[in-house]
């Protein structure tokens, strides 16, 4: 169970008794081909970008996604 806590964002804004923000969605992986022909996996997707942005603002976040086999 998520509790509440008092937080201050990196911008110095006070957010009283905030709960963690849960972001639902898929986590995808982009395969990017390098100059040597090898592929490198880079995590991404819109939900992940939202989690990263909120976390950088100092807000508590929780990503929730299903992992496929």
Foldseek 3Di string as FASTA:
>chain_A
DWFFDWWAWPVRRTDHRDTAAEQEDAKDWDWDQDPVRHTDTDIDDDSVVVCVVCVNRVGHYHYDHDDDD
